[in-house]
Amino acid sequence: MLLDMPPAAPNRSTVIIGAGMSGLCMAIALKRAGMPFVVLEKSDEIGGTWSANRYPGCACDIPSHLYGYSFAPNPQWSRVWAGQPEILAYLKDVVAQFDLAPHIRLSTAAQSADYDASTATWTIATVDGPLTARYLVSATGPLRVPKWPDIPGIDAFRGPSMHSARWDEDVVLAGKRVGIVGSAASAVQMIPKLAGHTAHLTVFQRTANYVVPKPNRHYTAPEKWLLANVPGAWRLLRWWLYARNEARFHAAFTPSRLSARLVEAVLRHYITRAVPDPTLRAAVLPDYRVGCKRVLLEGDYYATLARPDVSLVTDSISRIDAEGVITEAGRHDLDVILYATGFDIWDTDWPGRVRGRDGVSLHDAYGDAPRAWLGMAVPGFPNLFTLLGPNTGLGHNSVVWMAECQVNHIVRLMTAAEEAGQEALEVRASVLEAYNDALQERMQTRVWVQGRCASWYQHADGRIRALWPDSTLAWWRALRRVSLTDYREAPR
C-alpha cells in the first residue's frame, strides 16, 4: 500500500531506510515539506551508530555544538565534545521535538527494494509486509557493519572476544589480561578508559596515528544560559566552530602547501614531548603525512601507553589461537580480545538487495568503483537517493552538515519534480561521469592520495571513494543548485 496517501493527493510518499543521524534529518525535512513518509529501522531504537556503539569512552571528535543539526540547537551540551550517551539522548529529544515517533517503525528491517518502471514506484519488502512509495531514501550510513580483521585462527580463541561496535557489557574486564587489536579512533578512546581496570592491557598496533590533545572541558552554567537565552549566541558559537574546523582543511590537507608542513611539524613536536621514552616514541610516530589517515583526538592516549600495566605491540599478528595472540616476535596470552578495527564502509549486503529500473542491483551497478552524483544518485535507479554515499566523508568537519545539504537538495528536487509533473527522477549518466572525473582530478592534489599511507578512505581500486576532496563550503555550493536537467524522465 502507499504510505498514508489521501486518494486525491499526488503520490509524494517516501520510505527512509535507517533512523540514524541522516535518516532523522531526512524525516524532519519531509515533515516540514508536508510530504508523507515512513522510517524503517532494523534496531529496537533510533540513533544508528550512536545506538550501536557503546564501548567505554565512545564519543564524537567533532565539537558538540557543531555536530548537532543546525535547525535543532542544544544549548545544554555538557562538554565541548559529547560522549555517546549524550548524543543518543539528543537524537531522542529531536525525535520528540519534531514528533517523528509515529513515522518510525522500529525492529523493522528492509529486506529488499525493487523499482517498478510501469508505476515509477519502489516496493520495499519488510518483515511486516511490503510498502510502496514514490521515493526511496537509503540512510543506512557508512559506520554500520563492523569490520573484522583477516587473521588466521580468529575463531579459535576460547575466551570472550567482541568488536567495539558490538560491546557486551556482561564481559568482565576487571583483573583480566585484555588485548586490543587496532589503534585508531575507537581504540584511542577506549584505551585510557580501560587502563587501570584490567590486570594488563596489550595494544596491537598496525599503523601509528597522529593523536592530538582533546581539552574536553565542561560548559559552565552561565555559558549554557547565554547560549539558550541570548539571541544569536548559539549561532555565533556554531559558526566559529565551523570556521575553525574548516580552516584545518585549507591548512593541512594539501601537502604541497607550506601550512601543511607547519601543521605536521607542530604535531610531531607534540608527540615528541608527550612521549619521552625513545622506544615508545619511535613506535607511535607516524611515517606518513598528517591527514593521510584521520587525525585522532584523545589527550590521555600517549600517557596511557607509558603505564607499566599497558604494552604496545607493533609486530605483525601471525595468528590467534585458544590462548591468545601470536605475533612475529612471540606469544601474548590473553583472557579477553577486543577488536577496534572499524567498519566495512563498502558493505555489499543492502546494495545487493536494491534493484533498479533494469533489475540490476545497486551493488552490481557500483561494481568495483562506488560512485554517485553528489554522493546520492546513480543512473538506472530512479527516485532513489543515498545519504552520505560515496565521496561524502570528511576528515576535518561535521558530516551532519554534509547530510543536511543533501537532504535540503533532495526535498527541493522532489518539489520541482512535482511542479513539473515528472514522476521519475533518474540522474543522467553523463552528469555522473563528468562529476566523478572532476572529483577524482581534484582528489589528486590532496593528502589522501599523496600522503604515503593506506587508509579506510581508499577503495579496493586504490582511489579515494569515501571522502569529499574540497571544503564543506564547496559542498554547500554544489548542493545549493537544483536542476531537473541533471535528471531525465526514466522510461517506462
Protein backbone atom coordinates (compact mmCIF):
# COMPACT_ATOMS: atom_id res chain seq x y z
CA MET A 1 0.00 0.00 0.00
CA LEU A 2 1.09 3.61 -0.47
CA LEU A 3 2.14 5.45 2.65
CA ASP A 4 -0.64 7.48 4.26
CA MET A 5 -1.70 8.97 0.93
CA PRO A 6 -5.13 10.62 0.60
CA PRO A 7 -6.77 9.26 -2.58
CA ALA A 8 -6.75 12.59 -4.43
CA ALA A 9 -3.28 13.68 -3.34
CA PRO A 10 -0.24 13.43 -5.63
CA ASN A 11 1.99 10.49 -4.79
CA ARG A 12 4.91 12.05 -2.94
CA SER A 13 5.42 9.25 -0.41
CA THR A 14 8.90 8.24 0.74
CA VAL A 15 10.41 5.28 2.56
CA ILE A 16 13.57 6.10 4.53
CA ILE A 17 15.86 3.21 5.48
CA GLY A 18 17.58 3.92 8.79
CA ALA A 19 16.80 6.08 11.82
CA GLY A 20 20.31 7.35 12.42
CA MET A 21 21.55 10.93 12.16
CA SER A 22 20.99 11.31 8.41
CA GLY A 23 17.71 9.36 8.28
CA LEU A 24 16.16 11.51 11.01
CA CYS A 25 17.34 14.63 9.19
CA MET A 26 15.56 13.44 6.04
CA ALA A 27 12.41 12.68 8.02
CA ILE A 28 12.31 16.16 9.53
CA ALA A 29 12.75 17.82 6.14
CA LEU A 30 9.93 15.77 4.61
CA LYS A 31 7.65 16.52 7.53
CA ARG A 32 8.33 20.23 7.21
CA ALA A 33 7.52 20.00 3.50
CA GLY A 34 4.25 18.18 4.16
CA MET A 35 5.35 15.04 2.35
CA PRO A 36 4.26 11.63 3.74
CA PHE A 37 6.99 9.23 4.76
CA VAL A 38 7.88 6.29 6.96
CA VAL A 39 11.25 5.40 8.50
CA LEU A 40 12.26 1.74 8.73
CA GLU A 41 14.80 0.92 11.43
CA LYS A 42 16.05 -2.62 11.96
CA SER A 43 17.17 -1.92 15.54
CA ASP A 44 14.84 -1.57 18.50
CA GLU A 45 15.78 2.08 19.00
CA ILE A 46 16.75 5.11 16.94
CA GLY A 47 20.27 6.50 16.75
CA GLY A 48 22.14 4.42 14.19
CA THR A 49 25.84 4.28 15.00
CA TRP A 50 25.22 6.20 18.24
CA SER A 51 22.96 3.43 19.42
CA ALA A 52 25.16 0.54 18.26
CA ASN A 53 28.46 1.85 19.65
CA ARG A 54 28.58 1.77 23.44
CA TYR A 55 32.20 0.97 24.22
CA PRO A 56 33.92 2.82 27.10
CA GLY A 57 34.95 6.31 26.04
CA CYS A 58 32.80 6.34 22.88
CA ALA A 59 32.46 9.97 21.81
CA CYS A 60 32.40 12.28 18.82
CA ASP A 61 35.56 14.01 17.60
CA ILE A 62 33.56 16.97 16.26
CA PRO A 63 32.51 19.62 18.84
CA SER A 64 29.00 19.08 20.19
CA HIS A 65 27.54 22.39 19.03
CA LEU A 66 28.77 21.68 15.50
CA TYR A 67 27.83 18.02 15.32
CA GLY A 68 24.12 18.54 16.03
CA TYR A 69 21.55 19.72 13.50
CA SER A 70 21.67 23.38 12.50
CA PHE A 71 17.88 23.56 12.96
CA ALA A 72 17.81 21.86 16.39
CA PRO A 73 20.25 23.63 18.72
CA ASN A 74 21.01 22.12 22.10
CA PRO A 75 22.41 24.82 24.39
CA GLN A 76 22.68 22.27 27.20
CA TRP A 77 25.54 20.15 25.85
CA SER A 78 27.60 19.28 28.92
CA ARG A 79 31.04 19.27 27.28
CA VAL A 80 32.88 20.60 24.25
CA TRP A 81 32.95 17.06 22.79
CA ALA A 82 29.94 14.99 23.75
CA GLY A 83 30.01 11.31 24.59
CA GLN A 84 27.81 8.60 23.07
CA PRO A 85 25.09 8.60 25.77
CA GLU A 86 24.55 12.35 25.41
CA ILE A 87 24.48 12.25 21.60
CA LEU A 88 21.92 9.43 21.66
CA ALA A 89 19.83 11.38 24.17
CA TYR A 90 19.98 14.42 21.87
CA LEU A 91 18.69 12.37 18.92
CA LYS A 92 15.83 11.02 21.03
CA ASP A 93 14.98 14.58 22.06
CA VAL A 94 14.92 15.58 18.39
CA VAL A 95 12.51 12.73 17.63
CA ALA A 96 10.22 14.03 20.37
CA GLN A 97 10.64 17.68 19.35
CA PHE A 98 9.56 17.02 15.75
CA ASP A 99 7.03 14.29 16.66
CA LEU A 100 8.71 11.68 14.47
CA ALA A 101 7.81 8.61 16.55
CA PRO A 102 4.51 7.92 14.67
CA HIS A 103 6.52 7.73 11.43
CA ILE A 104 9.26 5.38 12.70
CA ARG A 105 8.89 1.61 12.61
CA LEU A 106 11.47 0.07 14.94
CA SER A 107 12.63 -3.55 14.68
CA THR A 108 11.56 -3.45 11.03
CA ALA A 109 14.35 -4.33 8.66
CA ALA A 110 14.06 -3.63 4.96
CA GLN A 111 14.62 -6.97 3.26
CA SER A 112 14.81 -5.76 -0.35
CA ALA A 113 13.74 -2.92 -2.61
CA ASP A 114 12.58 -3.14 -6.24
CA TYR A 115 11.75 -0.37 -8.68
CA ASP A 116 8.65 -0.71 -10.86
CA ALA A 117 9.13 1.34 -14.02
CA SER A 118 5.46 1.00 -15.03
CA THR A 119 4.31 2.93 -11.95
CA ALA A 120 7.54 4.82 -11.13
CA THR A 121 7.42 3.49 -7.57
CA TRP A 122 9.57 1.45 -5.23
CA THR A 123 8.33 -1.65 -3.41
CA ILE A 124 10.17 -2.36 -0.17
CA ALA A 125 9.83 -5.79 1.38
CA THR A 126 9.77 -5.88 5.19
CA VAL A 127 9.00 -8.48 7.84
CA ASP A 128 5.60 -6.80 8.23
CA GLY A 129 4.76 -6.87 4.54
CA PRO A 130 5.56 -4.72 1.51
CA LEU A 131 5.46 -0.94 1.28
CA THR A 132 5.13 1.03 -1.93
CA ALA A 133 6.33 4.61 -2.29
CA ARG A 134 7.37 7.08 -4.94
CA TYR A 135 10.81 7.67 -3.40
CA LEU A 136 13.32 5.53 -1.54
CA VAL A 137 15.99 7.16 0.62
CA SER A 138 18.77 4.89 1.89
CA ALA A 139 20.20 6.34 5.10
CA THR A 140 21.98 3.26 6.38
CA GLY A 141 25.26 5.14 6.89
CA PRO A 142 28.86 4.03 6.38
CA LEU A 143 29.57 3.24 10.07
CA ARG A 144 27.18 0.33 10.32
CA VAL A 145 28.84 -3.03 9.60
CA PRO A 146 31.75 -3.98 11.91
CA LYS A 147 34.94 -4.88 10.08
CA TRP A 148 36.72 -7.91 11.49
CA PRO A 149 40.43 -8.36 10.76
CA ASP A 150 41.53 -11.15 8.46
CA ILE A 151 43.68 -13.02 10.99
CA PRO A 152 44.14 -16.81 10.89
CA GLY A 153 42.54 -18.54 13.88
CA ILE A 154 40.36 -15.61 14.88
CA ASP A 155 37.60 -18.03 15.89
CA ALA A 156 39.93 -20.30 17.85
CA PHE A 157 40.27 -18.05 20.91
CA ARG A 158 38.45 -19.67 23.82
CA GLY A 159 37.95 -16.54 25.90
CA PRO A 160 35.44 -13.75 25.31
CA SER A 161 36.02 -11.56 22.25
CA MET A 162 33.99 -8.72 20.77
CA HIS A 163 34.09 -5.86 18.32
CA SER A 164 33.94 -2.32 19.70
CA ALA A 165 30.71 -1.77 17.74
CA ARG A 166 29.08 -4.78 19.41
CA TRP A 167 30.07 -4.11 23.00
CA ASP A 168 28.95 -6.72 25.54
CA GLU A 169 28.68 -5.18 29.00
CA ASP A 170 28.39 -8.64 30.56
CA VAL A 171 32.01 -9.43 29.70
CA VAL A 172 34.15 -8.82 32.79
CA LEU A 173 37.39 -6.96 32.04
CA ALA A 174 38.46 -6.11 35.59
CA GLY A 175 41.51 -8.09 36.60
CA LYS A 176 41.83 -9.69 33.16
CA ARG A 177 44.59 -9.75 30.59
CA VAL A 178 42.97 -7.82 27.76
CA GLY A 179 44.23 -7.38 24.21
CA ILE A 180 43.03 -4.68 21.84
CA VAL A 181 43.55 -5.29 18.14
CA GLY A 182 43.62 -1.88 16.47
CA SER A 183 44.86 1.57 17.41
CA ALA A 184 42.67 4.04 15.52
CA ALA A 185 39.63 6.11 16.56
CA SER A 186 37.67 3.71 18.78
CA ALA A 187 40.82 2.20 20.30
CA VAL A 188 42.27 5.61 21.16
CA GLN A 189 39.06 6.47 23.01
CA MET A 190 38.79 3.10 24.71
CA ILE A 191 42.35 2.50 25.89
CA PRO A 192 42.57 5.32 28.51
CA LYS A 193 39.22 4.20 29.96
CA LEU A 194 40.24 0.55 30.31
CA ALA A 195 43.81 1.01 31.58
CA GLY A 196 43.99 0.63 35.34
CA HIS A 197 40.91 -1.61 35.46
CA THR A 198 42.45 -4.58 33.71
CA ALA A 199 45.30 -6.71 35.02
CA HIS A 200 47.21 -5.84 31.87
CA LEU A 201 46.28 -4.16 28.60
CA THR A 202 48.07 -5.11 25.39
CA VAL A 203 47.55 -2.88 22.36
CA PHE A 204 48.31 -4.39 18.96
CA GLN A 205 49.12 -1.51 16.62
CA ARG A 206 49.44 -1.98 12.87
CA THR A 207 49.98 1.68 11.99
CA ALA A 208 50.74 4.68 14.19
CA ASN A 209 48.31 7.60 14.17
CA TYR A 210 48.54 11.30 14.82
CA VAL A 211 46.78 11.79 18.16
CA VAL A 212 46.27 15.35 19.39
CA PRO A 213 45.11 16.73 22.76
CA LYS A 214 41.39 16.96 23.50
CA PRO A 215 40.73 19.71 26.07
CA ASN A 216 37.22 18.44 26.72
CA ARG A 217 36.10 20.85 29.40
CA HIS A 218 32.60 21.14 30.80
CA TYR A 219 30.41 24.06 29.79
CA THR A 220 29.57 26.24 32.76
CA ALA A 221 26.04 27.11 33.84
CA PRO A 222 26.46 30.76 32.73
CA GLU A 223 27.66 29.60 29.30
CA LYS A 224 24.64 27.35 28.89
CA TRP A 225 22.32 30.17 29.94
CA LEU A 226 23.98 32.52 27.46
CA LEU A 227 23.60 30.03 24.59
CA ALA A 228 19.96 29.39 25.48
CA ASN A 229 18.79 32.95 26.09
CA VAL A 230 20.90 35.46 24.18
CA PRO A 231 19.73 35.76 20.55
CA GLY A 232 22.44 34.75 18.12
CA ALA A 233 24.84 33.42 20.79
CA TRP A 234 24.47 29.76 19.85
CA ARG A 235 24.61 30.55 16.13
CA LEU A 236 27.77 32.59 16.61
CA LEU A 237 29.45 29.75 18.53
CA ARG A 238 28.47 27.23 15.88
CA TRP A 239 29.85 29.38 13.07
CA TRP A 240 33.09 29.90 14.99
CA LEU A 241 33.50 26.14 15.45
CA TYR A 242 32.65 25.57 11.80
CA ALA A 243 35.17 28.17 10.57
CA ARG A 244 37.90 26.81 12.85
CA ASN A 245 37.41 23.25 11.62
CA GLU A 246 37.14 24.39 8.00
CA ALA A 247 40.47 26.19 8.32
CA ARG A 248 42.09 22.84 9.07
CA PHE A 249 41.15 21.58 5.62
CA HIS A 250 42.85 24.51 3.92
CA ALA A 251 45.86 24.34 6.24
CA ALA A 252 46.63 20.64 6.33
CA PHE A 253 45.10 18.58 3.52
CA THR A 254 47.08 19.83 0.53
CA PRO A 255 50.61 18.57 1.25
CA SER A 256 52.30 20.90 -1.25
CA ARG A 257 51.37 23.91 0.89
CA LEU A 258 53.78 25.28 3.47
CA SER A 259 50.98 25.36 6.02
CA ALA A 260 50.64 21.56 5.79
CA ARG A 261 54.30 21.10 6.65
CA LEU A 262 53.99 23.51 9.56
CA VAL A 263 50.95 21.65 10.94
CA GLU A 264 52.83 18.38 10.64
CA ALA A 265 55.88 19.81 12.41
CA VAL A 266 53.72 21.05 15.29
CA LEU A 267 52.01 17.67 15.73
CA ARG A 268 55.24 15.71 15.56
CA HIS A 269 56.76 18.06 18.13
CA TYR A 270 53.77 17.45 20.39
CA ILE A 271 54.24 13.68 20.15
CA THR A 272 57.94 14.03 20.86
CA ARG A 273 57.23 15.96 24.05
CA ALA A 274 54.29 13.76 25.11
CA VAL A 275 56.31 10.53 24.78
CA PRO A 276 59.71 10.92 26.49
CA ASP A 277 60.63 7.25 26.18
CA PRO A 278 62.58 6.96 22.89
CA THR A 279 61.49 3.38 22.16
CA LEU A 280 57.81 4.12 22.65
CA ARG A 281 58.17 7.40 20.76
CA ALA A 282 59.62 5.62 17.74
CA ALA A 283 56.67 3.25 17.78
CA VAL A 284 53.97 5.94 17.87
CA LEU A 285 55.46 8.48 15.45
CA PRO A 286 53.68 8.14 12.09
CA ASP A 287 55.79 7.78 8.94
CA TYR A 288 53.24 9.43 6.64
CA ARG A 289 51.93 12.94 6.07
CA VAL A 290 49.48 14.35 8.58
CA GLY A 291 45.87 13.95 7.45
CA CYS A 292 46.51 10.91 5.25
CA LYS A 293 44.72 8.97 7.98
CA ARG A 294 42.18 10.67 10.22
CA VAL A 295 43.82 12.77 12.94
CA LEU A 296 42.57 11.47 16.30
CA LEU A 297 41.63 13.37 19.46
CA GLU A 298 42.44 11.99 22.91
CA GLY A 299 44.53 13.81 25.49
CA ASP A 300 45.43 10.81 27.68
CA TYR A 301 46.39 8.31 24.99
CA TYR A 302 50.18 8.65 24.99
CA ALA A 303 50.36 8.84 28.79
CA THR A 304 48.28 5.67 28.98
CA LEU A 305 50.65 3.79 26.66
CA ALA A 306 53.51 4.65 29.04
CA ARG A 307 51.82 2.95 32.02
CA PRO A 308 53.56 -0.19 33.37
CA ASP A 309 50.33 -2.20 33.00
CA VAL A 310 49.98 -1.31 29.31
CA SER A 311 52.05 -2.74 26.44
CA LEU A 312 52.22 -1.53 22.86
CA VAL A 313 52.96 -4.27 20.35
CA THR A 314 53.89 -3.26 16.80
CA ASP A 315 54.88 -6.69 15.48
CA SER A 316 52.56 -8.11 12.84
CA ILE A 317 49.99 -10.59 14.13
CA SER A 318 50.64 -14.04 12.69
CA ARG A 319 47.63 -15.84 14.09
CA ILE A 320 45.29 -16.25 17.05
CA ASP A 321 44.88 -19.47 18.99
CA ALA A 322 42.91 -20.62 22.03
CA GLU A 323 45.22 -18.83 24.47
CA GLY A 324 45.84 -15.50 22.80
CA VAL A 325 47.66 -13.67 20.02
CA ILE A 326 50.87 -14.82 18.33
CA THR A 327 52.94 -12.15 16.60
CA GLU A 328 56.13 -12.44 14.60
CA ALA A 329 58.09 -11.81 17.81
CA GLY A 330 56.26 -14.15 20.19
CA ARG A 331 53.12 -15.08 22.12
CA HIS A 332 50.75 -12.91 24.17
CA ASP A 333 48.46 -14.90 26.43
CA LEU A 334 45.12 -13.15 26.97
CA ASP A 335 41.82 -13.60 28.75
CA VAL A 336 39.78 -11.24 26.51
CA ILE A 337 40.32 -9.88 22.98
CA LEU A 338 38.72 -6.63 21.83
CA TYR A 339 38.64 -5.72 18.13
CA ALA A 340 38.75 -1.99 17.46
CA THR A 341 39.07 -2.44 13.71
CA GLY A 342 36.46 -0.05 12.35
CA PHE A 343 33.71 -0.63 9.81
CA ASP A 344 33.23 -2.13 6.40
CA ILE A 345 32.09 1.05 4.68
CA TRP A 346 31.77 -0.79 1.36
CA ASP A 347 29.37 -3.42 2.66
CA THR A 348 27.57 -5.06 -0.27
CA ASP A 349 24.65 -6.69 1.55
CA TRP A 350 21.98 -3.97 1.36
CA PRO A 351 23.14 -2.57 -2.03
CA GLY A 352 22.90 -6.12 -3.34
CA ARG A 353 19.20 -6.23 -2.45
CA VAL A 354 18.25 -2.90 -4.07
CA ARG A 355 17.24 -3.48 -7.69
CA GLY A 356 16.70 -0.61 -10.11
CA ARG A 357 14.96 0.06 -13.42
CA ASP A 358 16.52 -2.89 -15.29
CA GLY A 359 16.53 -5.30 -12.35
CA VAL A 360 20.24 -4.71 -11.74
CA SER A 361 21.28 -4.41 -8.09
CA LEU A 362 22.85 -1.26 -6.76
CA HIS A 363 25.95 -3.25 -5.87
CA ASP A 364 26.31 -4.54 -9.43
CA ALA A 365 25.76 -1.03 -10.77
CA TYR A 366 28.53 0.23 -8.50
CA GLY A 367 30.80 -2.63 -9.46
CA ASP A 368 34.35 -2.17 -8.24
CA ALA A 369 34.09 1.62 -8.32
CA PRO A 370 31.39 3.02 -5.99
CA ARG A 371 30.34 6.45 -7.20
CA ALA A 372 27.21 8.56 -7.12
CA TRP A 373 26.14 12.02 -8.28
CA LEU A 374 26.68 14.26 -5.25
CA GLY A 375 27.02 11.07 -3.22
CA MET A 376 23.31 10.34 -3.57
CA ALA A 377 22.06 9.38 -7.08
CA VAL A 378 23.01 6.60 -9.50
CA PRO A 379 21.89 6.11 -13.14
CA GLY A 380 19.45 3.23 -13.50
CA PHE A 381 17.90 3.86 -10.09
CA PRO A 382 15.10 6.42 -10.48
CA ASN A 383 13.73 8.07 -7.34
CA LEU A 384 16.46 6.52 -5.17
CA PHE A 385 18.66 8.74 -3.04
CA THR A 386 21.52 7.61 -0.81
CA LEU A 387 22.53 9.85 2.08
CA LEU A 388 26.26 10.04 2.84
CA GLY A 389 27.14 7.82 -0.10
CA PRO A 390 30.46 7.71 -2.00
CA ASN A 391 32.77 10.72 -1.61
CA THR A 392 30.81 12.48 1.13
CA GLY A 393 33.03 11.74 4.14
CA LEU A 394 35.21 14.32 5.84
CA GLY A 395 38.47 14.35 7.69
CA HIS A 396 38.01 17.68 9.39
CA ASN A 397 34.41 18.87 9.83
CA SER A 398 30.87 17.75 10.65
CA VAL A 399 29.39 15.13 8.35
CA VAL A 400 25.98 16.14 9.70
CA TRP A 401 26.36 19.32 7.65
CA MET A 402 27.03 17.18 4.56
CA ALA A 403 23.81 15.25 5.18
CA GLU A 404 21.80 18.42 5.78
CA CYS A 405 22.90 19.81 2.41
CA GLN A 406 21.89 16.56 0.70
CA VAL A 407 18.52 16.46 2.45
CA ASN A 408 17.68 20.05 1.52
CA HIS A 409 18.66 19.35 -2.09
CA ILE A 410 16.51 16.21 -2.28
CA VAL A 411 13.40 17.90 -0.90
CA ARG A 412 13.78 20.82 -3.32
CA LEU A 413 14.30 18.33 -6.14
CA MET A 414 11.14 16.40 -5.18
CA THR A 415 9.18 19.65 -5.11
CA ALA A 416 10.50 20.72 -8.51
CA ALA A 417 9.62 17.33 -10.00
CA GLU A 418 6.08 17.53 -8.64
CA GLU A 419 5.60 21.02 -10.04
CA ALA A 420 6.87 19.83 -13.44
CA GLY A 421 4.74 16.70 -13.37
CA GLN A 422 7.82 14.48 -13.55
CA GLU A 423 7.22 11.18 -11.78
CA ALA A 424 10.63 9.52 -12.18
CA LEU A 425 13.95 11.20 -11.45
CA GLU A 426 17.00 9.38 -12.84
CA VAL A 427 20.33 11.16 -12.87
CA ARG A 428 21.92 11.26 -16.31
CA ALA A 429 24.98 9.03 -16.80
CA SER A 430 26.83 11.90 -18.47
CA VAL A 431 26.24 14.11 -15.43
CA LEU A 432 27.67 11.47 -13.08
CA GLU A 433 30.68 10.80 -15.32
CA ALA A 434 31.61 14.48 -15.56
CA TYR A 435 31.12 14.98 -11.83
CA ASN A 436 33.19 11.94 -10.85
CA ASP A 437 36.02 12.76 -13.26
CA ALA A 438 36.30 16.30 -11.88
CA LEU A 439 36.10 15.00 -8.30
CA GLN A 440 38.89 12.46 -8.77
CA GLU A 441 41.03 15.06 -10.52
CA ARG A 442 40.74 17.40 -7.54
CA MET A 443 41.48 14.49 -5.23
CA GLN A 444 44.95 14.03 -6.76
CA THR A 445 46.27 17.15 -5.00
CA ARG A 446 45.09 16.06 -1.55
CA VAL A 447 46.99 14.31 1.20
CA TRP A 448 44.81 11.17 0.99
CA VAL A 449 46.44 10.46 -2.38
CA GLN A 450 49.88 11.98 -1.79
CA GLY A 451 50.32 11.25 1.91
CA ARG A 452 52.13 7.89 1.65
CA CYS A 453 49.63 5.80 3.60
CA ALA A 454 46.88 3.23 3.14
CA SER A 455 43.61 4.04 4.85
CA TRP A 456 39.95 3.09 5.04
CA TYR A 457 39.29 6.11 2.86
CA GLN A 458 40.55 4.08 -0.10
CA HIS A 459 38.51 1.56 -2.03
CA ALA A 460 39.96 -1.69 -3.34
CA ASP A 461 40.83 0.03 -6.61
CA GLY A 462 43.15 2.40 -4.73
CA ARG A 463 41.07 5.52 -5.39
CA ILE A 464 39.70 7.66 -2.61
CA ARG A 465 35.97 6.99 -2.80
CA ALA A 466 34.99 7.79 0.80
CA LEU A 467 35.96 11.46 1.09
CA TRP A 468 34.90 14.78 -0.37
CA PRO A 469 38.03 16.44 -1.82
CA ASP A 470 37.04 20.06 -1.20
CA SER A 471 35.80 22.33 1.55
CA THR A 472 32.32 21.94 3.01
CA LEU A 473 31.54 25.39 1.63
CA ALA A 474 32.19 23.97 -1.84
CA TRP A 475 29.85 21.11 -0.98
CA TRP A 476 27.12 23.56 0.04
CA ARG A 477 27.55 25.43 -3.25
CA ALA A 478 27.35 22.19 -5.24
CA LEU A 479 24.12 21.11 -3.49
CA ARG A 480 22.53 24.56 -3.49
CA ARG A 481 21.70 24.33 -7.19
CA VAL A 482 18.71 22.18 -8.10
CA SER A 483 18.04 21.48 -11.77
CA LEU A 484 15.79 18.88 -13.35
CA THR A 485 18.10 18.97 -16.38
CA ASP A 486 20.54 16.85 -14.37
CA TYR A 487 17.86 14.17 -14.33
CA ARG A 488 15.86 12.52 -17.05
CA GLU A 489 12.34 11.17 -17.04
CA ALA A 490 13.08 7.47 -16.61
CA PRO A 491 11.48 5.35 -19.37
CA ARG A 492 8.62 3.01 -18.52
